[in-house]
Amino acid sequence: MTAPVLDVRALQKHYGKHPVLSGIDLTVGDGKTVALIGGSGSGKSTLLKCVNLLEQVTDGEIYFDGEEITDPRIDADRVRRRIGVVFQAYNLFPHMTALQNVALAPRRVGRKSKSDAEAKARELLARVGLEKQADSYPDRMSGGQQQRTAIARALANEPRLLLLDEVTSALDPELVGEVLDLIGELKSQGMTILMATHEMDFCRHAADTVCFLDNGVVAESGPPEQVLGSPSSPRLQQFLSRVRRH
C-alpha cells in the first residue's frame, strides 16, 4: 500500500473558545477525489485552509506525501507550491489578462522565463478550453470562464494536490456544468482532489469518497452510493432532503 497523498489525523481548529473542527480524520489517496459536503458552518472551508496552511491548527496533524506539514518548523511556502487552490470567488487579478494570470506563478515562483511561462499558460488555457480567451481581461469573461482560468492558474505549478472550495457556488446555473466537466476531466487524468461542494450529482458520479461534515466532525464517510444513497445518520438524511428540495 502506498501512503496517501493527504492524511489528516484528529485535526482540531478553534477560534478562541469556539471549536470549528473537533477531531477530523481524513485520507485522500493518490489520484482520488474526496468530496466534502455539509451545511454552512460545518467546517469544510476551514479544513481546506488548514490543509493549505492558511490557518494554524489547534491540535492534530496533517501529513502531505508522508511529511508532517503541521510541524511549526515547516516551510509553508514550499508546501503551498505543491498544492493548487481554487476558491468560490475567482480571485483573478483584474488588471491582468487570462494569460498573465496563469503565467504569474511559473514566473514568480517557478522562476521560468517570460516566454516559457507564457507557453505553459497557453497550454493550460487550451487544456481548460480557453485558448481563445488568452488575451481577455476577467471583466470580459463569463463567470464560468473566470473560474476555469482560476483552475488553470492553480494547475500552473503542477500541484500534487488540488483543493477546490465551492468553486461553482458563485456561478449561474448554466455555467456550473462546464466547470464540473473540467474537474471531471482533471480527475480522469489522475489529479488528486479534495473539494468542498454542494453539487450532489457531481459527487455521485465523480467522487471516490464523500465525507459529510457536521459540527466540525466527519459524521459519515464512504463511497458516494452509500453516503448519498443510503445515509445512516438522521443529520445526513435531513441535510440531503434539504439540498434536494433546492
C-alpha atoms as a PDB file:
ATOM      1  CA  MET A   1       0.000   0.000   0.000  1.00  0.00           C
ATOM      2  CA  THR A   2       1.362   3.414  -0.923  1.00  0.00           C
ATOM      3  CA  ALA A   3       0.967   6.227   1.568  1.00  0.00           C
ATOM      4  CA  PRO A   4      -1.969   8.587   0.894  1.00  0.00           C
ATOM      5  CA  VAL A   5      -1.233  11.980  -0.639  1.00  0.00           C
ATOM      6  CA  LEU A   6      -3.066  13.601   2.274  1.00  0.00           C
ATOM      7  CA  ASP A   7      -3.580  12.172   5.753  1.00  0.00           C
ATOM      8  CA  VAL A   8      -5.445  14.297   8.318  1.00  0.00           C
ATOM      9  CA  ARG A   9      -5.368  12.975  11.870  1.00  0.00           C
ATOM     10  CA  ALA A  10      -7.511  14.173  14.805  1.00  0.00           C
ATOM     11  CA  LEU A  11      -7.456  17.715  13.443  1.00  0.00           C
ATOM     12  CA  GLN A  12      -8.834  20.466  15.654  1.00  0.00           C
ATOM     13  CA  LYS A  13      -9.228  24.163  14.930  1.00  0.00           C
ATOM     14  CA  HIS A  14     -10.600  26.621  17.472  1.00  0.00           C
ATOM     15  CA  TYR A  15     -11.165  30.341  17.126  1.00  0.00           C
ATOM     16  CA  GLY A  16     -10.741  31.448  20.708  1.00  0.00           C
ATOM     17  CA  LYS A  17     -13.037  29.137  22.657  1.00  0.00           C
ATOM     18  CA  HIS A  18     -15.169  28.364  19.624  1.00  0.00           C
ATOM     19  CA  PRO A  19     -14.365  24.950  18.054  1.00  0.00           C
ATOM     20  CA  VAL A  20     -14.807  24.789  14.279  1.00  0.00           C
ATOM     21  CA  LEU A  21     -13.056  21.436  13.704  1.00  0.00           C
ATOM     22  CA  SER A  22     -13.316  18.929  16.529  1.00  0.00           C
ATOM     23  CA  GLY A  23     -11.219  15.932  15.530  1.00  0.00           C
ATOM     24  CA  ILE A  24     -11.194  15.396  11.753  1.00  0.00           C
ATOM     25  CA  ASP A  25      -9.745  12.160  10.355  1.00  0.00           C
ATOM     26  CA  LEU A  26      -9.469  12.064   6.580  1.00  0.00           C
ATOM     27  CA  THR A  27      -7.295  10.489   3.892  1.00  0.00           C
ATOM     28  CA  VAL A  28      -7.004  11.257   0.177  1.00  0.00           C
ATOM     29  CA  GLY A  29      -5.287   8.595  -1.913  1.00  0.00           C
ATOM     30  CA  ASP A  30      -3.184   9.224  -4.997  1.00  0.00           C
ATOM     31  CA  GLY A  31      -5.413  10.140  -7.941  1.00  0.00           C
ATOM     32  CA  LYS A  32      -8.568  10.053  -5.827  1.00  0.00           C
ATOM     33  CA  THR A  33     -11.307  12.661  -5.450  1.00  0.00           C
ATOM     34  CA  VAL A  34     -12.736  13.230  -1.971  1.00  0.00           C
ATOM     35  CA  ALA A  35     -15.817  15.454  -1.709  1.00  0.00           C
ATOM     36  CA  LEU A  36     -16.685  17.314   1.483  1.00  0.00           C
ATOM     37  CA  ILE A  37     -20.388  18.020   1.959  1.00  0.00           C
ATOM     38  CA  GLY A  38     -22.246  19.662   4.820  1.00  0.00           C
ATOM     39  CA  GLY A  39     -24.167  22.755   5.775  1.00  0.00           C
ATOM     40  CA  SER A  40     -22.809  26.263   6.130  1.00  0.00           C
ATOM     41  CA  GLY A  41     -20.541  26.443   9.173  1.00  0.00           C
ATOM     42  CA  SER A  42     -19.810  22.711   9.211  1.00  0.00           C
ATOM     43  CA  GLY A  43     -16.063  23.317   8.802  1.00  0.00           C
ATOM     44  CA  LYS A  44     -15.440  22.480   5.131  1.00  0.00           C
ATOM     45  CA  SER A  45     -13.667  25.715   4.184  1.00  0.00           C
ATOM     46  CA  THR A  46     -11.720  25.808   7.443  1.00  0.00           C
ATOM     47  CA  LEU A  47     -10.466  22.279   6.802  1.00  0.00           C
ATOM     48  CA  LEU A  48      -9.228  23.269   3.324  1.00  0.00           C
ATOM     49  CA  LYS A  49      -7.489  26.342   4.764  1.00  0.00           C
ATOM     50  CA  CYS A  50      -5.755  24.182   7.377  1.00  0.00           C
ATOM     51  CA  VAL A  51      -4.545  21.779   4.670  1.00  0.00           C
ATOM     52  CA  ASN A  52      -3.114  24.718   2.703  1.00  0.00           C
ATOM     53  CA  LEU A  53      -1.550  26.136   5.898  1.00  0.00           C
ATOM     54  CA  LEU A  54      -3.602  29.326   5.631  1.00  0.00           C
ATOM     55  CA  GLU A  55      -4.890  28.562   9.135  1.00  0.00           C
ATOM     56  CA  GLN A  56      -2.775  27.299  12.009  1.00  0.00           C
ATOM     57  CA  VAL A  57      -4.238  24.142  13.523  1.00  0.00           C
ATOM     58  CA  THR A  58      -5.098  23.976  17.215  1.00  0.00           C
ATOM     59  CA  ASP A  59      -4.295  20.273  17.563  1.00  0.00           C
ATOM     60  CA  GLY A  60      -3.802  17.167  15.427  1.00  0.00           C
ATOM     61  CA  GLU A  61      -1.577  16.518  12.423  1.00  0.00           C
ATOM     62  CA  ILE A  62      -1.673  16.798   8.661  1.00  0.00           C
ATOM     63  CA  TYR A  63       0.649  14.645   6.546  1.00  0.00           C
ATOM     64  CA  PHE A  64       1.245  15.539   2.901  1.00  0.00           C
ATOM     65  CA  ASP A  65       3.054  12.837   0.935  1.00  0.00           C
ATOM     66  CA  GLY A  66       4.216  11.387   4.255  1.00  0.00           C
ATOM     67  CA  GLU A  67       5.631  14.665   5.610  1.00  0.00           C
ATOM     68  CA  GLU A  68       4.017  16.280   8.641  1.00  0.00           C
ATOM     69  CA  ILE A  69       3.191  19.781   7.417  1.00  0.00           C
ATOM     70  CA  THR A  70       1.670  20.907  10.730  1.00  0.00           C
ATOM     71  CA  ASP A  71       5.157  20.838  12.251  1.00  0.00           C
ATOM     72  CA  PRO A  72       5.806  24.521  13.174  1.00  0.00           C
ATOM     73  CA  ARG A  73       9.279  24.309  11.605  1.00  0.00           C
ATOM     74  CA  ILE A  74       7.858  23.534   8.172  1.00  0.00           C
ATOM     75  CA  ASP A  75       8.410  25.937   5.269  1.00  0.00           C
ATOM     76  CA  ALA A  76       4.788  26.761   4.444  1.00  0.00           C
ATOM     77  CA  ASP A  77       5.632  28.363   1.093  1.00  0.00           C
ATOM     78  CA  ARG A  78       7.431  25.212  -0.035  1.00  0.00           C
ATOM     79  CA  VAL A  79       4.349  23.138   0.841  1.00  0.00           C
ATOM     80  CA  ARG A  80       1.922  25.560  -0.827  1.00  0.00           C
ATOM     81  CA  ARG A  81       3.868  25.407  -4.095  1.00  0.00           C
ATOM     82  CA  ARG A  82       2.751  21.762  -4.376  1.00  0.00           C
ATOM     83  CA  ILE A  83      -0.915  22.476  -3.597  1.00  0.00           C
ATOM     84  CA  GLY A  84      -3.258  24.191  -6.060  1.00  0.00           C
ATOM     85  CA  VAL A  85      -6.194  26.081  -4.554  1.00  0.00           C
ATOM     86  CA  VAL A  86      -9.348  27.486  -6.141  1.00  0.00           C
ATOM     87  CA  PHE A  87     -11.912  29.397  -4.087  1.00  0.00           C
ATOM     88  CA  GLN A  88     -15.554  30.235  -4.859  1.00  0.00           C
ATOM     89  CA  ALA A  89     -14.571  33.826  -5.651  1.00  0.00           C
ATOM     90  CA  TYR A  90     -12.317  33.610  -8.693  1.00  0.00           C
ATOM     91  CA  ASN A  91      -9.642  35.930  -7.217  1.00  0.00           C
ATOM     92  CA  LEU A  92      -8.161  36.713 -10.626  1.00  0.00           C
ATOM     93  CA  PHE A  93      -6.084  39.875 -10.923  1.00  0.00           C
ATOM     94  CA  PRO A  94      -8.411  42.259 -12.818  1.00  0.00           C
ATOM     95  CA  HIS A  95      -5.580  44.227 -14.429  1.00  0.00           C
ATOM     96  CA  MET A  96      -4.066  41.080 -15.972  1.00  0.00           C
ATOM     97  CA  THR A  97      -5.246  39.039 -18.959  1.00  0.00           C
ATOM     98  CA  ALA A  98      -6.110  35.364 -18.547  1.00  0.00           C
ATOM     99  CA  LEU A  99      -2.673  34.523 -19.937  1.00  0.00           C
ATOM    100  CA  GLN A 100      -0.897  36.831 -17.491  1.00  0.00           C
ATOM    101  CA  ASN A 101      -2.912  35.481 -14.539  1.00  0.00           C
ATOM    102  CA  VAL A 102      -1.952  31.898 -15.355  1.00  0.00           C
ATOM    103  CA  ALA A 103       1.691  32.724 -16.173  1.00  0.00           C
ATOM    104  CA  LEU A 104       2.269  34.642 -12.941  1.00  0.00           C
ATOM    105  CA  ALA A 105       3.089  31.706 -10.634  1.00  0.00           C
ATOM    106  CA  PRO A 106       5.510  29.967 -13.038  1.00  0.00           C
ATOM    107  CA  ARG A 107       7.343  33.292 -13.430  1.00  0.00           C
ATOM    108  CA  ARG A 108       7.384  34.382  -9.766  1.00  0.00           C
ATOM    109  CA  VAL A 109       7.533  31.020  -8.002  1.00  0.00           C
ATOM    110  CA  GLY A 110       8.909  28.692 -10.654  1.00  0.00           C
ATOM    111  CA  ARG A 111      11.453  31.262 -11.880  1.00  0.00           C
ATOM    112  CA  LYS A 112      10.588  30.490 -15.502  1.00  0.00           C
ATOM    113  CA  SER A 113      11.396  32.964 -18.257  1.00  0.00           C
ATOM    114  CA  LYS A 114       8.509  35.060 -19.572  1.00  0.00           C
ATOM    115  CA  SER A 115       8.378  33.074 -22.819  1.00  0.00           C
ATOM    116  CA  ASP A 116       8.431  29.683 -21.035  1.00  0.00           C
ATOM    117  CA  ALA A 117       5.806  30.793 -18.504  1.00  0.00           C
ATOM    118  CA  GLU A 118       3.516  32.108 -21.230  1.00  0.00           C
ATOM    119  CA  ALA A 119       3.938  28.950 -23.315  1.00  0.00           C
ATOM    120  CA  LYS A 120       2.948  26.924 -20.245  1.00  0.00           C
ATOM    121  CA  ALA A 121      -0.010  29.263 -19.608  1.00  0.00           C
ATOM    122  CA  ARG A 122      -1.265  28.901 -23.193  1.00  0.00           C
ATOM    123  CA  GLU A 123      -1.038  25.130 -22.871  1.00  0.00           C
ATOM    124  CA  LEU A 124      -3.083  25.239 -19.639  1.00  0.00           C
ATOM    125  CA  LEU A 125      -5.687  27.616 -21.069  1.00  0.00           C
ATOM    126  CA  ALA A 126      -6.083  25.229 -24.001  1.00  0.00           C
ATOM    127  CA  ARG A 127      -6.489  22.381 -21.529  1.00  0.00           C
ATOM    128  CA  VAL A 128      -9.435  24.189 -19.896  1.00  0.00           C
ATOM    129  CA  GLY A 129     -10.912  25.213 -23.260  1.00  0.00           C
ATOM    130  CA  LEU A 130      -9.936  28.887 -23.124  1.00  0.00           C
ATOM    131  CA  GLU A 131      -7.144  29.263 -25.690  1.00  0.00           C
ATOM    132  CA  LYS A 132      -9.198  31.959 -27.493  1.00  0.00           C
ATOM    133  CA  GLN A 133      -9.599  33.966 -24.264  1.00  0.00           C
ATOM    134  CA  ALA A 134      -5.850  34.180 -23.529  1.00  0.00           C
ATOM    135  CA  ASP A 135      -5.771  37.957 -24.081  1.00  0.00           C
ATOM    136  CA  SER A 136      -9.112  38.695 -22.390  1.00  0.00           C
ATOM    137  CA  TYR A 137      -9.340  40.534 -19.087  1.00  0.00           C
ATOM    138  CA  PRO A 138     -11.523  38.993 -16.339  1.00  0.00           C
ATOM    139  CA  ASP A 139     -14.315  41.590 -16.708  1.00  0.00           C
ATOM    140  CA  ARG A 140     -14.716  40.485 -20.346  1.00  0.00           C
ATOM    141  CA  MET A 141     -15.168  36.821 -19.387  1.00  0.00           C
ATOM    142  CA  SER A 142     -18.194  34.914 -18.104  1.00  0.00           C
ATOM    143  CA  GLY A 143     -18.157  33.569 -14.550  1.00  0.00           C
ATOM    144  CA  GLY A 144     -17.529  30.073 -15.882  1.00  0.00           C
ATOM    145  CA  GLN A 145     -14.594  31.274 -17.968  1.00  0.00           C
ATOM    146  CA  GLN A 146     -13.149  33.140 -14.978  1.00  0.00           C
ATOM    147  CA  GLN A 147     -13.438  30.068 -12.792  1.00  0.00           C
ATOM    148  CA  ARG A 148     -11.820  27.853 -15.439  1.00  0.00           C
ATOM    149  CA  THR A 149      -8.999  30.421 -15.679  1.00  0.00           C
ATOM    150  CA  ALA A 150      -8.613  30.215 -11.895  1.00  0.00           C
ATOM    151  CA  ILE A 151      -8.352  26.423 -12.156  1.00  0.00           C
ATOM    152  CA  ALA A 152      -5.736  26.763 -14.928  1.00  0.00           C
ATOM    153  CA  ARG A 153      -3.793  29.125 -12.667  1.00  0.00           C
ATOM    154  CA  ALA A 154      -3.975  26.586  -9.820  1.00  0.00           C
ATOM    155  CA  LEU A 155      -2.523  23.941 -12.160  1.00  0.00           C
ATOM    156  CA  ALA A 156       0.360  26.155 -13.302  1.00  0.00           C
ATOM    157  CA  ASN A 157       2.853  24.840 -10.742  1.00  0.00           C
ATOM    158  CA  GLU A 158       1.874  21.203 -11.457  1.00  0.00           C
ATOM    159  CA  PRO A 159       0.421  20.624  -7.972  1.00  0.00           C
ATOM    160  CA  ARG A 160       0.377  17.261  -6.247  1.00  0.00           C
ATOM    161  CA  LEU A 161      -2.996  18.104  -4.679  1.00  0.00           C
ATOM    162  CA  LEU A 162      -5.852  20.332  -5.853  1.00  0.00           C
ATOM    163  CA  LEU A 163      -8.126  21.964  -3.255  1.00  0.00           C
ATOM    164  CA  LEU A 164     -11.470  23.262  -4.528  1.00  0.00           C
ATOM    165  CA  ASP A 165     -13.718  25.294  -2.218  1.00  0.00           C
ATOM    166  CA  GLU A 166     -17.315  25.511  -3.506  1.00  0.00           C
ATOM    167  CA  VAL A 167     -15.991  26.523  -6.926  1.00  0.00           C
ATOM    168  CA  THR A 168     -19.444  26.527  -8.560  1.00  0.00           C
ATOM    169  CA  SER A 169     -21.428  28.354  -5.865  1.00  0.00           C
ATOM    170  CA  ALA A 170     -20.939  31.831  -7.377  1.00  0.00           C
ATOM    171  CA  LEU A 171     -21.819  30.703 -10.916  1.00  0.00           C
ATOM    172  CA  ASP A 172     -25.071  30.998 -12.809  1.00  0.00           C
ATOM    173  CA  PRO A 173     -26.696  27.549 -13.085  1.00  0.00           C
ATOM    174  CA  GLU A 174     -25.969  27.205 -16.814  1.00  0.00           C
ATOM    175  CA  LEU A 175     -22.253  27.749 -16.187  1.00  0.00           C
ATOM    176  CA  VAL A 176     -21.916  25.167 -13.402  1.00  0.00           C
ATOM    177  CA  GLY A 177     -21.750  22.229 -15.807  1.00  0.00           C
ATOM    178  CA  GLU A 178     -18.718  23.496 -17.736  1.00  0.00           C
ATOM    179  CA  VAL A 179     -16.672  23.837 -14.538  1.00  0.00           C
ATOM    180  CA  LEU A 180     -17.778  20.453 -13.191  1.00  0.00           C
ATOM    181  CA  ASP A 181     -16.946  18.849 -16.555  1.00  0.00           C
ATOM    182  CA  LEU A 182     -13.432  20.282 -16.284  1.00  0.00           C
ATOM    183  CA  ILE A 183     -12.990  18.900 -12.746  1.00  0.00           C
ATOM    184  CA  GLY A 184     -14.170  15.511 -14.007  1.00  0.00           C
ATOM    185  CA  GLU A 185     -11.561  15.654 -16.776  1.00  0.00           C
ATOM    186  CA  LEU A 186      -8.808  16.521 -14.285  1.00  0.00           C
ATOM    187  CA  LYS A 187      -9.844  13.548 -12.154  1.00  0.00           C
ATOM    188  CA  SER A 188      -9.728  11.236 -15.189  1.00  0.00           C
ATOM    189  CA  GLN A 189      -6.202  12.495 -15.891  1.00  0.00           C
ATOM    190  CA  GLY A 190      -5.062  11.406 -12.423  1.00  0.00           C
ATOM    191  CA  MET A 191      -5.259  14.634 -10.409  1.00  0.00           C
ATOM    192  CA  THR A 192      -5.681  14.184  -6.645  1.00  0.00           C
ATOM    193  CA  ILE A 193      -8.566  16.389  -5.499  1.00  0.00           C
ATOM    194  CA  LEU A 194     -10.110  17.424  -2.170  1.00  0.00           C
ATOM    195  CA  MET A 195     -13.182  19.548  -2.750  1.00  0.00           C
ATOM    196  CA  ALA A 196     -15.973  21.149  -0.763  1.00  0.00           C
ATOM    197  CA  THR A 197     -19.155  21.124  -2.831  1.00  0.00           C
ATOM    198  CA  HIS A 198     -22.925  21.185  -2.716  1.00  0.00           C
ATOM    199  CA  GLU A 199     -23.260  19.518  -6.140  1.00  0.00           C
ATOM    200  CA  MET A 200     -24.630  16.124  -5.095  1.00  0.00           C
ATOM    201  CA  ASP A 201     -24.992  14.727  -8.621  1.00  0.00           C
ATOM    202  CA  PHE A 202     -21.347  15.506  -9.286  1.00  0.00           C
ATOM    203  CA  CYS A 203     -20.354  13.796  -6.006  1.00  0.00           C
ATOM    204  CA  ARG A 204     -22.354  10.750  -7.010  1.00  0.00           C
ATOM    205  CA  HIS A 205     -20.624  10.404 -10.371  1.00  0.00           C
ATOM    206  CA  ALA A 206     -17.112  11.761  -9.823  1.00  0.00           C
ATOM    207  CA  ALA A 207     -16.102  11.378  -6.164  1.00  0.00           C
ATOM    208  CA  ASP A 208     -14.375   8.273  -4.837  1.00  0.00           C
ATOM    209  CA  THR A 209     -15.294   9.166  -1.258  1.00  0.00           C
ATOM    210  CA  VAL A 210     -17.892  11.549   0.184  1.00  0.00           C
ATOM    211  CA  CYS A 211     -17.408  12.952   3.704  1.00  0.00           C
ATOM    212  CA  PHE A 212     -20.326  14.592   5.496  1.00  0.00           C
ATOM    213  CA  LEU A 213     -19.096  17.227   7.946  1.00  0.00           C
ATOM    214  CA  ASP A 214     -21.399  18.242  10.758  1.00  0.00           C
ATOM    215  CA  ASN A 215     -20.432  20.425  13.731  1.00  0.00           C
ATOM    216  CA  GLY A 216     -16.741  20.074  12.953  1.00  0.00           C
ATOM    217  CA  VAL A 217     -16.545  16.280  12.714  1.00  0.00           C
ATOM    218  CA  VAL A 218     -16.816  13.739   9.893  1.00  0.00           C
ATOM    219  CA  ALA A 219     -20.271  12.408  10.777  1.00  0.00           C
ATOM    220  CA  GLU A 220     -20.394   9.960   7.870  1.00  0.00           C
ATOM    221  CA  SER A 221     -17.937   8.903   5.175  1.00  0.00           C
ATOM    222  CA  GLY A 222     -17.773   6.326   2.416  1.00  0.00           C
ATOM    223  CA  PRO A 223     -18.435   5.681  -1.289  1.00  0.00           C
ATOM    224  CA  PRO A 224     -20.983   8.068  -2.849  1.00  0.00           C
ATOM    225  CA  GLU A 225     -23.598   5.362  -3.379  1.00  0.00           C
ATOM    226  CA  GLN A 226     -23.500   4.560   0.339  1.00  0.00           C
ATOM    227  CA  VAL A 227     -23.329   8.088   1.791  1.00  0.00           C
ATOM    228  CA  LEU A 228     -25.769   9.688  -0.658  1.00  0.00           C
ATOM    229  CA  GLY A 229     -27.907   6.647  -1.442  1.00  0.00           C
ATOM    230  CA  SER A 230     -28.233   5.021   1.987  1.00  0.00           C
ATOM    231  CA  PRO A 231     -27.351   7.627   4.622  1.00  0.00           C
ATOM    232  CA  SER A 232     -27.354   6.158   8.120  1.00  0.00           C
ATOM    233  CA  SER A 233     -27.377   9.270  10.325  1.00  0.00           C
ATOM    234  CA  PRO A 234     -30.549  11.358  10.766  1.00  0.00           C
ATOM    235  CA  ARG A 235     -28.477  14.550  10.356  1.00  0.00           C
ATOM    236  CA  LEU A 236     -27.234  13.467   6.919  1.00  0.00           C
ATOM    237  CA  GLN A 237     -30.738  12.383   5.890  1.00  0.00           C
ATOM    238  CA  GLN A 238     -32.014  15.810   6.926  1.00  0.00           C
ATOM    239  CA  PHE A 239     -29.201  17.587   5.066  1.00  0.00           C
ATOM    240  CA  LEU A 240     -29.752  15.633   1.843  1.00  0.00           C
ATOM    241  CA  SER A 241     -33.523  16.181   1.889  1.00  0.00           C
ATOM    242  CA  ARG A 242     -32.943  19.916   2.326  1.00  0.00           C
ATOM    243  CA  VAL A 243     -30.397  20.023  -0.525  1.00  0.00           C
ATOM    244  CA  ARG A 244     -32.695  18.087  -2.855  1.00  0.00           C
ATOM    245  CA  ARG A 245     -35.579  20.485  -2.192  1.00  0.00           C
ATOM    246  CA  HIS A 246     -33.396  23.299  -3.506  1.00  0.00           C
END
